[in-house]
Amino acid sequence: MKNVVLAVLLLVGITAMAQQKRERRPEAEKLSKEERIDLQVKKMTKDLDLNEKQAKEVRAIVTQQVEKREAKRAEMEAQKNQRRAEMKARMEEMKKEQAAVAAEMKKVLSAEQYAKWEKLRDERKDKLKEKVRERSQNRNLEEPSDDK
């Protein structure tokens, strides 16, 4: 019973923390690049008690860091969009191939055989989709290991 209560409390705590993170994030995204740089430099100036010269140098470093990060983010987004487009093209090609196979099967099989073939094909598709869904869920549940 104690374990159940502890697990529930842990789950509630994690959920609350995740919601707090989500709530803070949109505010940070609303800031412009310059505002984010200013905020970071001001915080570092206060925390580290920087003089004006140091603050200027830190500003240059932070600006460079932010620009590199934004360039990398844009590059990754472009790669992601390219992969999506490639996947969409492959899916379209597969659909065309499947339609061609179905047309050929329709020519060869009787109406009853073709209906049975379609039913079996649909059942295989459903099983495959279920396996993919299970793998995805299992992958999401697994924790990354540090054995590398």
Protein backbone atom coordinates (compact mmCIF):
# COMPACT_ATOMS: atom_id res chain seq x y z
CA MET A 1 0.00 0.00 0.00
CA LYS A 2 2.86 2.36 0.86
CA ASN A 3 4.44 1.63 -2.52
CA VAL A 4 1.24 2.51 -4.34
CA VAL A 5 0.93 5.81 -2.48
CA LEU A 6 4.59 6.59 -3.13
CA ALA A 7 4.20 5.79 -6.84
CA VAL A 8 1.13 8.03 -7.11
CA LEU A 9 2.90 10.90 -5.36
CA LEU A 10 5.92 10.48 -7.62
CA LEU A 11 3.71 10.48 -10.71
CA VAL A 12 1.86 13.60 -9.59
CA GLY A 13 5.14 15.38 -8.87
CA ILE A 14 6.63 14.53 -12.24
CA THR A 15 3.47 15.61 -14.03
CA ALA A 16 3.43 18.93 -12.19
CA MET A 17 7.08 19.57 -13.06
CA ALA A 18 6.48 18.76 -16.73
CA GLN A 19 3.54 21.18 -16.84
CA GLN A 20 5.61 23.93 -15.24
CA LYS A 21 8.32 23.47 -17.87
CA ARG A 22 5.74 23.64 -20.67
CA GLU A 23 4.26 26.81 -19.19
CA ARG A 24 7.63 28.59 -18.99
CA ARG A 25 8.78 27.68 -22.48
CA PRO A 26 6.39 29.80 -24.58
CA GLU A 27 7.52 32.92 -22.73
CA ALA A 28 11.15 32.25 -23.60
CA GLU A 29 10.26 31.68 -27.25
CA LYS A 30 8.52 35.07 -27.44
CA LEU A 31 11.78 36.88 -26.72
CA SER A 32 13.81 38.15 -29.67
CA LYS A 33 17.40 37.06 -30.15
CA GLU A 34 18.67 40.36 -28.76
CA GLU A 35 16.37 40.15 -25.74
CA ARG A 36 17.59 36.62 -24.97
CA ILE A 37 21.20 37.79 -25.26
CA ASP A 38 20.54 40.81 -23.02
CA LEU A 39 18.81 38.63 -20.46
CA GLN A 40 21.66 36.13 -20.38
CA VAL A 41 24.37 38.84 -20.18
CA LYS A 42 22.52 40.70 -17.41
CA LYS A 43 22.15 37.50 -15.43
CA MET A 44 25.83 36.64 -15.85
CA THR A 45 26.85 40.22 -14.99
CA LYS A 46 24.82 40.07 -11.80
CA ASP A 47 25.81 36.51 -10.84
CA LEU A 48 29.53 36.93 -11.63
CA ASP A 49 29.86 40.63 -10.80
CA LEU A 50 31.32 41.45 -14.22
CA ASN A 51 32.78 44.87 -15.04
CA GLU A 52 31.84 46.72 -18.28
CA LYS A 53 34.76 45.33 -20.28
CA GLN A 54 33.99 41.77 -19.22
CA ALA A 55 30.29 42.27 -19.94
CA LYS A 56 31.11 43.42 -23.51
CA GLU A 57 33.34 40.39 -24.07
CA VAL A 58 30.74 38.07 -22.57
CA ARG A 59 28.10 39.67 -24.81
CA ALA A 60 30.24 38.89 -27.88
CA ILE A 61 30.69 35.28 -26.77
CA VAL A 62 27.00 34.83 -25.96
CA THR A 63 25.97 36.44 -29.27
CA GLN A 64 28.26 34.09 -31.16
CA GLN A 65 26.89 31.12 -29.20
CA VAL A 66 23.27 32.11 -29.90
CA GLU A 67 23.96 32.59 -33.62
CA LYS A 68 25.63 29.18 -33.86
CA ARG A 69 22.73 27.57 -31.99
CA GLU A 70 20.15 29.22 -34.26
CA ALA A 71 22.09 28.19 -37.39
CA LYS A 72 22.26 24.60 -36.15
CA ARG A 73 18.55 24.65 -35.30
CA ALA A 74 17.72 25.94 -38.80
CA GLU A 75 19.96 23.29 -40.36
CA MET A 76 18.29 20.54 -38.35
CA GLU A 77 14.83 21.84 -39.28
CA ALA A 78 15.79 21.84 -42.97
CA GLN A 79 17.05 18.25 -42.68
CA LYS A 80 13.84 17.25 -40.91
CA ASN A 81 11.73 18.80 -43.68
CA GLN A 82 13.84 17.08 -46.33
CA ARG A 83 13.40 13.69 -44.62
CA ARG A 84 9.64 14.28 -44.46
CA ALA A 85 9.51 15.09 -48.17
CA GLU A 86 11.56 11.99 -49.02
CA MET A 87 9.31 9.81 -46.86
CA LYS A 88 6.21 11.25 -48.51
CA ALA A 89 7.65 10.50 -51.97
CA ARG A 90 8.49 6.92 -50.94
CA MET A 91 4.98 6.43 -49.56
CA GLU A 92 3.43 7.71 -52.80
CA GLU A 93 5.62 5.34 -54.81
CA MET A 94 4.63 2.42 -52.58
CA LYS A 95 0.94 3.27 -53.01
CA LYS A 96 1.34 3.31 -56.79
CA GLU A 97 3.12 -0.06 -56.69
CA GLN A 98 0.41 -1.54 -54.48
CA ALA A 99 -2.30 -0.27 -56.83
CA ALA A 100 -0.47 -1.82 -59.80
CA VAL A 101 -0.18 -5.17 -57.99
CA ALA A 102 -3.87 -5.04 -57.07
CA ALA A 103 -4.80 -4.38 -60.70
CA GLU A 104 -2.69 -7.32 -61.87
CA MET A 105 -4.20 -9.59 -59.20
CA LYS A 106 -7.69 -8.53 -60.23
CA LYS A 107 -6.94 -9.66 -63.78
CA VAL A 108 -5.65 -13.07 -62.63
CA LEU A 109 -7.99 -13.95 -59.75
CA SER A 110 -11.71 -14.60 -59.77
CA ALA A 111 -13.94 -12.09 -57.98
CA GLU A 112 -14.20 -14.37 -54.94
CA GLN A 113 -10.44 -15.03 -54.85
CA TYR A 114 -9.69 -11.34 -55.25
CA ALA A 115 -12.01 -10.42 -52.37
CA LYS A 116 -10.35 -13.04 -50.18
CA TRP A 117 -6.88 -11.80 -51.23
CA GLU A 118 -7.83 -8.21 -50.35
CA LYS A 119 -9.14 -9.33 -46.96
CA LEU A 120 -5.92 -11.20 -46.19
CA ARG A 121 -3.83 -8.25 -47.36
CA ASP A 122 -5.79 -5.88 -45.12
CA GLU A 123 -5.34 -8.21 -42.15
CA ARG A 124 -1.57 -8.30 -42.75
CA LYS A 125 -1.50 -4.50 -42.93
CA ASP A 126 -3.39 -4.24 -39.64
CA LYS A 127 -1.00 -6.68 -37.92
CA LEU A 128 1.99 -4.75 -39.22
CA LYS A 129 0.54 -1.45 -38.02
CA GLU A 130 -0.05 -2.97 -34.58
CA LYS A 131 3.54 -4.24 -34.40
CA VAL A 132 4.87 -0.81 -35.37
CA ARG A 133 2.65 0.81 -32.71
CA GLU A 134 3.91 -1.64 -30.06
CA ARG A 135 7.54 -1.04 -31.01
CA SER A 136 6.99 2.69 -30.81
CA GLN A 137 5.43 2.39 -27.37
CA ASN A 138 8.20 0.07 -26.17
CA ARG A 139 10.85 2.45 -27.49
CA ASN A 140 9.20 5.33 -25.62
CA LEU A 141 9.09 3.32 -22.39
CA GLU A 142 12.73 2.22 -22.50
CA GLU A 143 15.18 4.45 -20.72
CA PRO A 144 18.44 5.31 -22.45
CA SER A 145 21.38 3.37 -21.12
CA ASP A 146 24.78 4.84 -20.30
CA ASP A 147 26.63 1.65 -21.24
CA LYS A 148 28.19 3.19 -24.36
